[in-house]
Amino acid sequence: MHVSPAVRAIMMFSLAATVGACAPAGYGQGSLISVSFVSREPPPERVEVIPARPSNDVVWVSGRWAANGNDYTWREGSWERPESGKKEWVKGKWVHEDRGWHYMDGHWQ
């Protein structure tokens, strides 16, 4: 079956739009996921003093280093309410690849 270039372009656009809408769990439909690379390794994690738990329905989400250009900024941990049906926070981590270091977000499970 012969398909004209215009029809082929429309089919490819539709396929790209459909695949783009299939974002990982935790992201809004059609969200763009941006990955920032940092050339140097993140500093060691800080030791945090965890404040008293304000209520039984919250879980401690530990602090982390966040990329700030080619440097890092510490983000303090906090008590957070889990997503519906979830109980545990799986901590994110810094990963090294050929292009540098990037952060993989934590998530609820």
PDB file of N, CA and C in Angstrom:
ATOM      1  N   MET A   1       0.845  -1.171   0.000  1.00  0.00           N
ATOM      2  CA  MET A   1       0.000   0.000   0.000  1.00  0.00           C
ATOM      3  C   MET A   1       0.891   1.235   0.000  1.00  0.00           C
ATOM      4  N   HIS A   2       0.634   2.164  -0.925  1.00  0.00           N
ATOM      5  CA  HIS A   2       1.399   3.399  -1.011  1.00  0.00           C
ATOM      6  C   HIS A   2       0.763   4.461  -0.117  1.00  0.00           C
ATOM      7  N   VAL A   3       1.604   5.123   0.693  1.00  0.00           N
ATOM      8  CA  VAL A   3       1.126   6.187   1.567  1.00  0.00           C
ATOM      9  C   VAL A   3       1.840   7.463   1.162  1.00  0.00           C
ATOM     10  N   SER A   4       1.071   8.517   0.904  1.00  0.00           N
ATOM     11  CA  SER A   4       1.672   9.785   0.466  1.00  0.00           C
ATOM     12  C   SER A   4       2.504  10.388   1.595  1.00  0.00           C
ATOM     13  N   PRO A   5       3.501  11.225   1.265  1.00  0.00           N
ATOM     14  CA  PRO A   5       4.332  11.866   2.295  1.00  0.00           C
ATOM     15  C   PRO A   5       3.510  12.675   3.300  1.00  0.00           C
ATOM     16  N   ALA A   6       2.432  13.318   2.862  1.00  0.00           N
ATOM     17  CA  ALA A   6       1.603  14.115   3.771  1.00  0.00           C
ATOM     18  C   ALA A   6       0.907  13.218   4.788  1.00  0.00           C
ATOM     19  N   VAL A   7       0.355  12.092   4.318  1.00  0.00           N
ATOM     20  CA  VAL A   7      -0.319  11.158   5.221  1.00  0.00           C
ATOM     21  C   VAL A   7       0.691  10.539   6.170  1.00  0.00           C
ATOM     22  N   ARG A   8       1.881  10.207   5.665  1.00  0.00           N
ATOM     23  CA  ARG A   8       2.940   9.638   6.506  1.00  0.00           C
ATOM     24  C   ARG A   8       3.326  10.626   7.610  1.00  0.00           C
ATOM     25  N   ALA A   9       3.429  11.905   7.275  1.00  0.00           N
ATOM     26  CA  ALA A   9       3.778  12.931   8.262  1.00  0.00           C
ATOM     27  C   ALA A   9       2.704  13.033   9.340  1.00  0.00           C
ATOM     28  N   ILE A  10       1.450  12.977   8.943  1.00  0.00           N
ATOM     29  CA  ILE A  10       0.344  13.033   9.904  1.00  0.00           C
ATOM     30  C   ILE A  10       0.377  11.803  10.818  1.00  0.00           C
ATOM     31  N   MET A  11       0.649  10.644  10.245  1.00  0.00           N
ATOM     32  CA  MET A  11       0.728   9.422  11.048  1.00  0.00           C
ATOM     33  C   MET A  11       1.878   9.509  12.058  1.00  0.00           C
ATOM     34  N   MET A  12       3.028  10.001  11.637  1.00  0.00           N
ATOM     35  CA  MET A  12       4.179  10.118  12.542  1.00  0.00           C
ATOM     36  C   MET A  12       3.897  11.129  13.643  1.00  0.00           C
ATOM     37  N   PHE A  13       3.258  12.233  13.306  1.00  0.00           N
ATOM     38  CA  PHE A  13       2.902  13.234  14.319  1.00  0.00           C
ATOM     39  C   PHE A  13       1.948  12.630  15.339  1.00  0.00           C
ATOM     40  N   SER A  14       0.955  11.885  14.872  1.00  0.00           N
ATOM     41  CA  SER A  14      -0.012  11.253  15.769  1.00  0.00           C
ATOM     42  C   SER A  14       0.667  10.249  16.689  1.00  0.00           C
ATOM     43  N   LEU A  15       1.580   9.465  16.145  1.00  0.00           N
ATOM     44  CA  LEU A  15       2.313   8.489  16.942  1.00  0.00           C
ATOM     45  C   LEU A  15       3.158   9.197  18.000  1.00  0.00           C
ATOM     46  N   ALA A  16       3.861  10.256  17.608  1.00  0.00           N
ATOM     47  CA  ALA A  16       4.690  11.002  18.562  1.00  0.00           C
ATOM     48  C   ALA A  16       3.836  11.611  19.668  1.00  0.00           C
ATOM     49  N   ALA A  17       2.669  12.135  19.324  1.00  0.00           N
ATOM     50  CA  ALA A  17       1.780  12.730  20.324  1.00  0.00           C
ATOM     51  C   ALA A  17       1.259  11.666  21.287  1.00  0.00           C
ATOM     52  N   THR A  18       0.956  10.483  20.757  1.00  0.00           N
ATOM     53  CA  THR A  18       0.460   9.392  21.604  1.00  0.00           C
ATOM     54  C   THR A  18       1.546   8.911  22.553  1.00  0.00           C
ATOM     55  N   VAL A  19       2.743   8.692  22.057  1.00  0.00           N
ATOM     56  CA  VAL A  19       3.855   8.240  22.892  1.00  0.00           C
ATOM     57  C   VAL A  19       4.204   9.312  23.915  1.00  0.00           C
ATOM     58  N   GLY A  20       4.193  10.565  23.525  1.00  0.00           N
ATOM     59  CA  GLY A  20       4.508  11.654  24.443  1.00  0.00           C
ATOM     60  C   GLY A  20       3.520  11.765  25.586  1.00  0.00           C
ATOM     61  N   ALA A  21       2.302  11.326  25.369  1.00  0.00           N
ATOM     62  CA  ALA A  21       1.275  11.393  26.419  1.00  0.00           C
ATOM     63  C   ALA A  21       1.420  10.266  27.436  1.00  0.00           C
ATOM     64  N   CYS A  22       2.262   9.292  27.146  1.00  0.00           N
ATOM     65  CA  CYS A  22       2.453   8.160  28.050  1.00  0.00           C
ATOM     66  C   CYS A  22       3.616   8.442  28.988  1.00  0.00           C
ATOM     67  N   ALA A  23       3.448   9.402  29.857  1.00  0.00           N
ATOM     68  CA  ALA A  23       4.499   9.767  30.806  1.00  0.00           C
ATOM     69  C   ALA A  23       4.537   8.771  31.949  1.00  0.00           C
ATOM     70  N   PRO A  24       5.706   8.652  32.614  1.00  0.00           N
ATOM     71  CA  PRO A  24       5.797   7.760  33.768  1.00  0.00           C
ATOM     72  C   PRO A  24       4.825   8.174  34.866  1.00  0.00           C
ATOM     73  N   ALA A  25       4.469   7.226  35.734  1.00  0.00           N
ATOM     74  CA  ALA A  25       3.583   7.521  36.857  1.00  0.00           C
ATOM     75  C   ALA A  25       4.168   8.651  37.670  1.00  0.00           C
ATOM     76  N   GLY A  26       3.320   9.550  38.128  1.00  0.00           N
ATOM     77  CA  GLY A  26       3.786  10.675  38.931  1.00  0.00           C
ATOM     78  C   GLY A  26       3.946  11.943  38.111  1.00  0.00           C
ATOM     79  N   TYR A  27       3.856  11.839  36.812  1.00  0.00           N
ATOM     80  CA  TYR A  27       3.970  13.005  35.958  1.00  0.00           C
ATOM     81  C   TYR A  27       2.629  13.244  35.277  1.00  0.00           C
ATOM     82  N   GLY A  28       2.306  14.499  35.061  1.00  0.00           N
ATOM     83  CA  GLY A  28       1.055  14.821  34.393  1.00  0.00           C
ATOM     84  C   GLY A  28       1.079  14.333  32.959  1.00  0.00           C
ATOM     85  N   GLN A  29      -0.072  14.052  32.428  1.00  0.00           N
ATOM     86  CA  GLN A  29      -0.143  13.565  31.052  1.00  0.00           C
ATOM     87  C   GLN A  29       0.473  14.588  30.116  1.00  0.00           C
ATOM     88  N   GLY A  30       1.389  14.127  29.286  1.00  0.00           N
ATOM     89  CA  GLY A  30       2.023  14.997  28.308  1.00  0.00           C
ATOM     90  C   GLY A  30       3.116  15.878  28.904  1.00  0.00           C
ATOM     91  N   SER A  31       3.499  15.662  30.170  1.00  0.00           N
ATOM     92  CA  SER A  31       4.549  16.470  30.790  1.00  0.00           C
ATOM     93  C   SER A  31       5.877  16.251  30.091  1.00  0.00           C
ATOM     94  N   LEU A  32       6.646  17.294  30.012  1.00  0.00           N
ATOM     95  CA  LEU A  32       7.999  17.166  29.509  1.00  0.00           C
ATOM     96  C   LEU A  32       8.909  16.884  30.690  1.00  0.00           C
ATOM     97  N   ILE A  33       9.802  15.934  30.540  1.00  0.00           N
ATOM     98  CA  ILE A  33      10.742  15.601  31.592  1.00  0.00           C
ATOM     99  C   ILE A  33      12.090  16.161  31.178  1.00  0.00           C
ATOM    100  N   SER A  34      12.619  17.048  31.992  1.00  0.00           N
ATOM    101  CA  SER A  34      13.890  17.693  31.688  1.00  0.00           C
ATOM    102  C   SER A  34      14.972  17.101  32.575  1.00  0.00           C
ATOM    103  N   VAL A  35      16.097  16.749  31.981  1.00  0.00           N
ATOM    104  CA  VAL A  35      17.222  16.215  32.732  1.00  0.00           C
ATOM    105  C   VAL A  35      18.371  17.196  32.613  1.00  0.00           C
ATOM    106  N   SER A  36      18.852  17.653  33.775  1.00  0.00           N
ATOM    107  CA  SER A  36      20.002  18.554  33.807  1.00  0.00           C
ATOM    108  C   SER A  36      21.222  17.769  34.256  1.00  0.00           C
ATOM    109  N   PHE A  37      22.325  17.939  33.561  1.00  0.00           N
ATOM    110  CA  PHE A  37      23.563  17.258  33.918  1.00  0.00           C
ATOM    111  C   PHE A  37      24.517  18.245  34.568  1.00  0.00           C
ATOM    112  N   VAL A  38      25.236  17.756  35.572  1.00  0.00           N
ATOM    113  CA  VAL A  38      26.242  18.533  36.282  1.00  0.00           C
ATOM    114  C   VAL A  38      27.562  17.805  36.081  1.00  0.00           C
ATOM    115  N   SER A  39      28.628  18.551  35.790  1.00  0.00           N
ATOM    116  CA  SER A  39      29.893  17.904  35.455  1.00  0.00           C
ATOM    117  C   SER A  39      30.629  17.316  36.655  1.00  0.00           C
ATOM    118  N   ARG A  40      30.376  17.832  37.848  1.00  0.00           N
ATOM    119  CA  ARG A  40      31.109  17.288  38.993  1.00  0.00           C
ATOM    120  C   ARG A  40      30.182  16.533  39.939  1.00  0.00           C
ATOM    121  N   GLU A  41      30.769  15.605  40.670  1.00  0.00           N
ATOM    122  CA  GLU A  41      30.017  14.754  41.594  1.00  0.00           C
ATOM    123  C   GLU A  41      29.369  15.582  42.697  1.00  0.00           C
ATOM    124  N   PRO A  42      28.153  15.207  43.116  1.00  0.00           N
ATOM    125  CA  PRO A  42      27.520  15.946  44.213  1.00  0.00           C
ATOM    126  C   PRO A  42      28.285  15.733  45.518  1.00  0.00           C
ATOM    127  N   PRO A  43      28.204  16.710  46.443  1.00  0.00           N
ATOM    128  CA  PRO A  43      28.853  16.551  47.747  1.00  0.00           C
ATOM    129  C   PRO A  43      28.206  15.407  48.525  1.00  0.00           C
ATOM    130  N   PRO A  44      28.870  14.946  49.586  1.00  0.00           N
ATOM    131  CA  PRO A  44      28.254  13.919  50.427  1.00  0.00           C
ATOM    132  C   PRO A  44      26.950  14.445  51.029  1.00  0.00           C
ATOM    133  N   GLU A  45      26.013  13.529  51.278  1.00  0.00           N
ATOM    134  CA  GLU A  45      24.752  13.947  51.893  1.00  0.00           C
ATOM    135  C   GLU A  45      25.014  14.565  53.254  1.00  0.00           C
ATOM    136  N   ARG A  46      24.191  15.515  53.620  1.00  0.00           N
ATOM    137  CA  ARG A  46      24.281  16.117  54.942  1.00  0.00           C
ATOM    138  C   ARG A  46      23.559  15.246  55.952  1.00  0.00           C
ATOM    139  N   VAL A  47      24.032  15.312  57.182  1.00  0.00           N
ATOM    140  CA  VAL A  47      23.317  14.639  58.271  1.00  0.00           C
ATOM    141  C   VAL A  47      22.248  15.603  58.740  1.00  0.00           C
ATOM    142  N   GLU A  48      21.006  15.165  58.688  1.00  0.00           N
ATOM    143  CA  GLU A  48      19.897  16.027  59.077  1.00  0.00           C
ATOM    144  C   GLU A  48      19.398  15.683  60.475  1.00  0.00           C
ATOM    145  N   VAL A  49      19.020  16.700  61.190  1.00  0.00           N
ATOM    146  CA  VAL A  49      18.333  16.506  62.458  1.00  0.00           C
ATOM    147  C   VAL A  49      16.849  16.499  62.118  1.00  0.00           C
ATOM    148  N   ILE A  50      16.217  15.343  62.305  1.00  0.00           N
ATOM    149  CA  ILE A  50      14.808  15.203  61.922  1.00  0.00           C
ATOM    150  C   ILE A  50      13.941  15.715  63.067  1.00  0.00           C
ATOM    151  N   PRO A  51      13.122  16.723  62.796  1.00  0.00           N
ATOM    152  CA  PRO A  51      12.254  17.253  63.848  1.00  0.00           C
ATOM    153  C   PRO A  51      11.169  16.253  64.234  1.00  0.00           C
ATOM    154  N   ALA A  52      10.543  16.484  65.371  1.00  0.00           N
ATOM    155  CA  ALA A  52       9.473  15.610  65.840  1.00  0.00           C
ATOM    156  C   ALA A  52       8.382  15.501  64.781  1.00  0.00           C
ATOM    157  N   ARG A  53       7.846  14.317  64.642  1.00  0.00           N
ATOM    158  CA  ARG A  53       6.776  14.065  63.676  1.00  0.00           C
ATOM    159  C   ARG A  53       5.528  14.835  64.114  1.00  0.00           C
ATOM    160  N   PRO A  54       4.995  15.685  63.228  1.00  0.00           N
ATOM    161  CA  PRO A  54       3.846  16.499  63.599  1.00  0.00           C
ATOM    162  C   PRO A  54       2.526  15.725  63.682  1.00  0.00           C
ATOM    163  N   SER A  55       2.424  14.609  62.956  1.00  0.00           N
ATOM    164  CA  SER A  55       1.219  13.772  63.008  1.00  0.00           C
ATOM    165  C   SER A  55       1.576  12.384  62.494  1.00  0.00           C
ATOM    166  N   ASN A  56       0.700  11.420  62.747  1.00  0.00           N
ATOM    167  CA  ASN A  56       0.979  10.036  62.341  1.00  0.00           C
ATOM    168  C   ASN A  56       0.787   9.775  60.854  1.00  0.00           C
ATOM    169  N   ASP A  57       0.216  10.719  60.129  1.00  0.00           N
ATOM    170  CA  ASP A  57      -0.054  10.486  58.708  1.00  0.00           C
ATOM    171  C   ASP A  57       1.001  11.088  57.782  1.00  0.00           C
ATOM    172  N   VAL A  58       2.177  11.397  58.326  1.00  0.00           N
ATOM    173  CA  VAL A  58       3.244  11.958  57.503  1.00  0.00           C
ATOM    174  C   VAL A  58       4.488  11.070  57.544  1.00  0.00           C
ATOM    175  N   VAL A  59       5.322  11.181  56.507  1.00  0.00           N
ATOM    176  CA  VAL A  59       6.544  10.401  56.355  1.00  0.00           C
ATOM    177  C   VAL A  59       7.683  11.383  56.107  1.00  0.00           C
ATOM    178  N   TRP A  60       8.844  11.110  56.690  1.00  0.00           N
ATOM    179  CA  TRP A  60      10.003  11.968  56.483  1.00  0.00           C
ATOM    180  C   TRP A  60      10.579  11.742  55.089  1.00  0.00           C
ATOM    181  N   VAL A  61      10.720  12.823  54.329  1.00  0.00           N
ATOM    182  CA  VAL A  61      11.376  12.809  53.025  1.00  0.00           C
ATOM    183  C   VAL A  61      12.682  13.555  53.219  1.00  0.00           C
ATOM    184  N   SER A  62      13.791  12.816  53.172  1.00  0.00           N
ATOM    185  CA  SER A  62      15.088  13.406  53.500  1.00  0.00           C
ATOM    186  C   SER A  62      15.521  14.457  52.490  1.00  0.00           C
ATOM    187  N   GLY A  63      16.399  15.343  52.959  1.00  0.00           N
ATOM    188  CA  GLY A  63      16.932  16.396  52.103  1.00  0.00           C
ATOM    189  C   GLY A  63      17.844  15.837  51.030  1.00  0.00           C
ATOM    190  N   ARG A  64      18.209  16.707  50.102  1.00  0.00           N
ATOM    191  CA  ARG A  64      19.077  16.263  48.998  1.00  0.00           C
ATOM    192  C   ARG A  64      19.783  17.448  48.375  1.00  0.00           C
ATOM    193  N   TRP A  65      20.823  17.153  47.658  1.00  0.00           N
ATOM    194  CA  TRP A  65      21.501  18.173  46.869  1.00  0.00           C
ATOM    195  C   TRP A  65      20.743  18.360  45.563  1.00  0.00           C
ATOM    196  N   ALA A  66      20.486  19.607  45.210  1.00  0.00           N
ATOM    197  CA  ALA A  66      19.812  19.928  43.951  1.00  0.00           C
ATOM    198  C   ALA A  66      20.804  20.653  43.045  1.00  0.00           C
ATOM    199  N   ALA A  67      20.735  20.366  41.758  1.00  0.00           N
ATOM    200  CA  ALA A  67      21.608  21.039  40.800  1.00  0.00           C
ATOM    201  C   ALA A  67      21.252  22.518  40.737  1.00  0.00           C
ATOM    202  N   ASN A  68      22.282  23.341  40.708  1.00  0.00           N
ATOM    203  CA  ASN A  68      22.123  24.790  40.606  1.00  0.00           C
ATOM    204  C   ASN A  68      23.181  25.251  39.606  1.00  0.00           C
ATOM    205  N   GLY A  69      22.834  25.160  38.314  1.00  0.00           N
ATOM    206  CA  GLY A  69      23.842  25.398  37.282  1.00  0.00           C
ATOM    207  C   GLY A  69      24.805  24.229  37.309  1.00  0.00           C
ATOM    208  N   ASN A  70      26.099  24.515  37.479  1.00  0.00           N
ATOM    209  CA  ASN A  70      27.095  23.450  37.593  1.00  0.00           C
ATOM    210  C   ASN A  70      27.543  23.305  39.048  1.00  0.00           C
ATOM    211  N   ASP A  71      26.673  23.694  39.975  1.00  0.00           N
ATOM    212  CA  ASP A  71      26.952  23.605  41.396  1.00  0.00           C
ATOM    213  C   ASP A  71      25.762  22.928  42.075  1.00  0.00           C
ATOM    214  N   TYR A  72      25.779  22.891  43.382  1.00  0.00           N
ATOM    215  CA  TYR A  72      24.713  22.227  44.129  1.00  0.00           C
ATOM    216  C   TYR A  72      24.199  23.119  45.251  1.00  0.00           C
ATOM    217  N   THR A  73      22.913  22.972  45.546  1.00  0.00           N
ATOM    218  CA  THR A  73      22.256  23.674  46.650  1.00  0.00           C
ATOM    219  C   THR A  73      21.552  22.626  47.487  1.00  0.00           C
ATOM    220  N   TRP A  74      21.687  22.724  48.809  1.00  0.00           N
ATOM    221  CA  TRP A  74      21.033  21.754  49.688  1.00  0.00           C
ATOM    222  C   TRP A  74      19.557  22.099  49.847  1.00  0.00           C
ATOM    223  N   ARG A  75      18.701  21.113  49.690  1.00  0.00           N
ATOM    224  CA  ARG A  75      17.259  21.244  49.951  1.00  0.00           C
ATOM    225  C   ARG A  75      16.947  20.440  51.205  1.00  0.00           C
ATOM    226  N   GLU A  76      16.450  21.119  52.217  1.00  0.00           N
ATOM    227  CA  GLU A  76      16.136  20.494  53.498  1.00  0.00           C
ATOM    228  C   GLU A  76      15.055  19.420  53.340  1.00  0.00           C
ATOM    229  N   GLY A  77      15.139  18.388  54.167  1.00  0.00           N
ATOM    230  CA  GLY A  77      14.103  17.369  54.210  1.00  0.00           C
ATOM    231  C   GLY A  77      12.846  17.928  54.870  1.00  0.00           C
ATOM    232  N   SER A  78      11.743  17.191  54.777  1.00  0.00           N
ATOM    233  CA  SER A  78      10.491  17.658  55.369  1.00  0.00           C
ATOM    234  C   SER A  78       9.548  16.483  55.592  1.00  0.00           C
ATOM    235  N   TRP A  79       8.584  16.692  56.470  1.00  0.00           N
ATOM    236  CA  TRP A  79       7.511  15.714  56.676  1.00  0.00           C
ATOM    237  C   TRP A  79       6.482  15.905  55.572  1.00  0.00           C
ATOM    238  N   GLU A  80       6.114  14.833  54.889  1.00  0.00           N
ATOM    239  CA  GLU A  80       5.176  14.904  53.762  1.00  0.00           C
ATOM    240  C   GLU A  80       4.078  13.860  53.912  1.00  0.00           C
ATOM    241  N   ARG A  81       2.899  14.177  53.397  1.00  0.00           N
ATOM    242  CA  ARG A  81       1.801  13.202  53.349  1.00  0.00           C
ATOM    243  C   ARG A  81       1.985  12.334  52.107  1.00  0.00           C
ATOM    244  N   PRO A  82       1.929  11.021  52.271  1.00  0.00           N
ATOM    245  CA  PRO A  82       2.070  10.141  51.100  1.00  0.00           C
ATOM    246  C   PRO A  82       0.940  10.338  50.096  1.00  0.00           C
ATOM    247  N   GLU A  83       1.222  10.009  48.847  1.00  0.00           N
ATOM    248  CA  GLU A  83       0.177  10.001  47.827  1.00  0.00           C
ATOM    249  C   GLU A  83      -0.864   8.962  48.231  1.00  0.00           C
ATOM    250  N   SER A  84      -2.061   9.117  47.751  1.00  0.00           N
ATOM    251  CA  SER A  84      -3.161   8.208  48.072  1.00  0.00           C
ATOM    252  C   SER A  84      -2.770   6.754  47.799  1.00  0.00           C
ATOM    253  N   GLY A  85      -2.987   5.894  48.790  1.00  0.00           N
ATOM    254  CA  GLY A  85      -2.692   4.475  48.635  1.00  0.00           C
ATOM    255  C   GLY A  85      -1.231   4.111  48.797  1.00  0.00           C
ATOM    256  N   LYS A  86      -0.370   5.068  49.068  1.00  0.00           N
ATOM    257  CA  LYS A  86       1.065   4.819  49.215  1.00  0.00           C
ATOM    258  C   LYS A  86       1.462   5.011  50.678  1.00  0.00           C
ATOM    259  N   LYS A  87       2.564   4.414  51.088  1.00  0.00           N
ATOM    260  CA  LYS A  87       2.995   4.505  52.482  1.00  0.00           C
ATOM    261  C   LYS A  87       4.446   4.921  52.645  1.00  0.00           C
ATOM    262  N   GLU A  88       5.271   4.578  51.675  1.00  0.00           N
ATOM    263  CA  GLU A  88       6.715   4.702  51.847  1.00  0.00           C
ATOM    264  C   GLU A  88       7.335   5.598  50.783  1.00  0.00           C
ATOM    265  N   TRP A  89       8.292   6.429  51.186  1.00  0.00           N
ATOM    266  CA  TRP A  89       9.046   7.270  50.263  1.00  0.00           C
ATOM    267  C   TRP A  89      10.317   6.547  49.867  1.00  0.00           C
ATOM    268  N   VAL A  90      10.521   6.344  48.571  1.00  0.00           N
ATOM    269  CA  VAL A  90      11.755   5.761  48.047  1.00  0.00           C
ATOM    270  C   VAL A  90      12.636   6.932  47.644  1.00  0.00           C
ATOM    271  N   LYS A  91      13.757   7.033  48.316  1.00  0.00           N
ATOM    272  CA  LYS A  91      14.664   8.160  48.150  1.00  0.00           C
ATOM    273  C   LYS A  91      15.224   8.235  46.726  1.00  0.00           C
ATOM    274  N   GLY A  92      15.355   9.449  46.199  1.00  0.00           N
ATOM    275  CA  GLY A  92      15.972   9.653  44.898  1.00  0.00           C
ATOM    276  C   GLY A  92      17.480   9.474  45.009  1.00  0.00           C
ATOM    277  N   LYS A  93      18.168   9.548  43.878  1.00  0.00           N
ATOM    278  CA  LYS A  93      19.628   9.385  43.904  1.00  0.00           C
ATOM    279  C   LYS A  93      20.279  10.081  42.720  1.00  0.00           C
ATOM    280  N   TRP A  94      21.531  10.452  42.914  1.00  0.00           N
ATOM    281  CA  TRP A  94      22.348  11.007  41.846  1.00  0.00           C
ATOM    282  C   TRP A  94      22.987   9.861  41.073  1.00  0.00           C
ATOM    283  N   VAL A  95      22.955   9.956  39.754  1.00  0.00           N
ATOM    284  CA  VAL A  95      23.464   8.912  38.875  1.00  0.00           C
ATOM    285  C   VAL A  95      24.516   9.524  37.956  1.00  0.00           C
ATOM    286  N   HIS A  96      25.618   8.806  37.741  1.00  0.00           N
ATOM    287  CA  HIS A  96      26.667   9.283  36.848  1.00  0.00           C
ATOM    288  C   HIS A  96      26.567   8.587  35.497  1.00  0.00           C
ATOM    289  N   GLU A  97      26.606   9.380  34.437  1.00  0.00           N
ATOM    290  CA  GLU A  97      26.608   8.879  33.066  1.00  0.00           C
ATOM    291  C   GLU A  97      27.726   9.589  32.310  1.00  0.00           C
ATOM    292  N   ASP A  98      27.894   9.265  31.048  1.00  0.00           N
ATOM    293  CA  ASP A  98      28.936   9.898  30.229  1.00  0.00           C
ATOM    294  C   ASP A  98      28.813  11.417  30.191  1.00  0.00           C
ATOM    295  N   ARG A  99      27.569  11.933  30.208  1.00  0.00           N
ATOM    296  CA  ARG A  99      27.354  13.383  30.109  1.00  0.00           C
ATOM    297  C   ARG A  99      27.504  14.096  31.445  1.00  0.00           C
ATOM    298  N   GLY A 100      27.660  13.337  32.529  1.00  0.00           N
ATOM    299  CA  GLY A 100      27.814  13.944  33.846  1.00  0.00           C
ATOM    300  C   GLY A 100      26.862  13.315  34.844  1.00  0.00           C
ATOM    301  N   TRP A 101      26.554  14.070  35.899  1.00  0.00           N
ATOM    302  CA  TRP A 101      25.684  13.610  36.976  1.00  0.00           C
ATOM    303  C   TRP A 101      24.273  14.166  36.784  1.00  0.00           C
ATOM    304  N   HIS A 102      23.260  13.336  37.047  1.00  0.00           N
ATOM    305  CA  HIS A 102      21.873  13.816  37.016  1.00  0.00           C
ATOM    306  C   HIS A 102      21.113  13.146  38.147  1.00  0.00           C
ATOM    307  N   TYR A 103      20.015  13.795  38.564  1.00  0.00           N
ATOM    308  CA  TYR A 103      19.243  13.307  39.696  1.00  0.00           C
ATOM    309  C   TYR A 103      18.025  12.535  39.236  1.00  0.00           C
ATOM    310  N   MET A 104      17.823  11.344  39.817  1.00  0.00           N
ATOM    311  CA  MET A 104      16.606  10.561  39.577  1.00  0.00           C
ATOM    312  C   MET A 104      15.704  10.792  40.774  1.00  0.00           C
ATOM    313  N   ASP A 105      14.546  11.382  40.554  1.00  0.00           N
ATOM    314  CA  ASP A 105      13.628  11.734  41.634  1.00  0.00           C
ATOM    315  C   ASP A 105      13.198  10.529  42.456  1.00  0.00           C
ATOM    316  N   GLY A 106      12.934  10.802  43.734  1.00  0.00           N
ATOM    317  CA  GLY A 106      12.338   9.801  44.596  1.00  0.00           C
ATOM    318  C   GLY A 106      10.861   9.668  44.246  1.00  0.00           C
ATOM    319  N   HIS A 107      10.201   8.667  44.851  1.00  0.00           N
ATOM    320  CA  HIS A 107       8.780   8.454  44.561  1.00  0.00           C
ATOM    321  C   HIS A 107       8.120   7.707  45.719  1.00  0.00           C
ATOM    322  N   TRP A 108       6.797   7.751  45.741  1.00  0.00           N
ATOM    323  CA  TRP A 108       6.016   7.033  46.753  1.00  0.00           C
ATOM    324  C   TRP A 108       5.714   5.642  46.253  1.00  0.00           C
ATOM    325  N   GLN A 109       5.696   4.683  47.212  1.00  0.00           N
ATOM    326  CA  GLN A 109       5.274   3.317  46.866  1.00  0.00           C
ATOM    327  C   GLN A 109       4.443   2.758  47.984  1.00  0.00           C
TER     328      GLN A 109
END
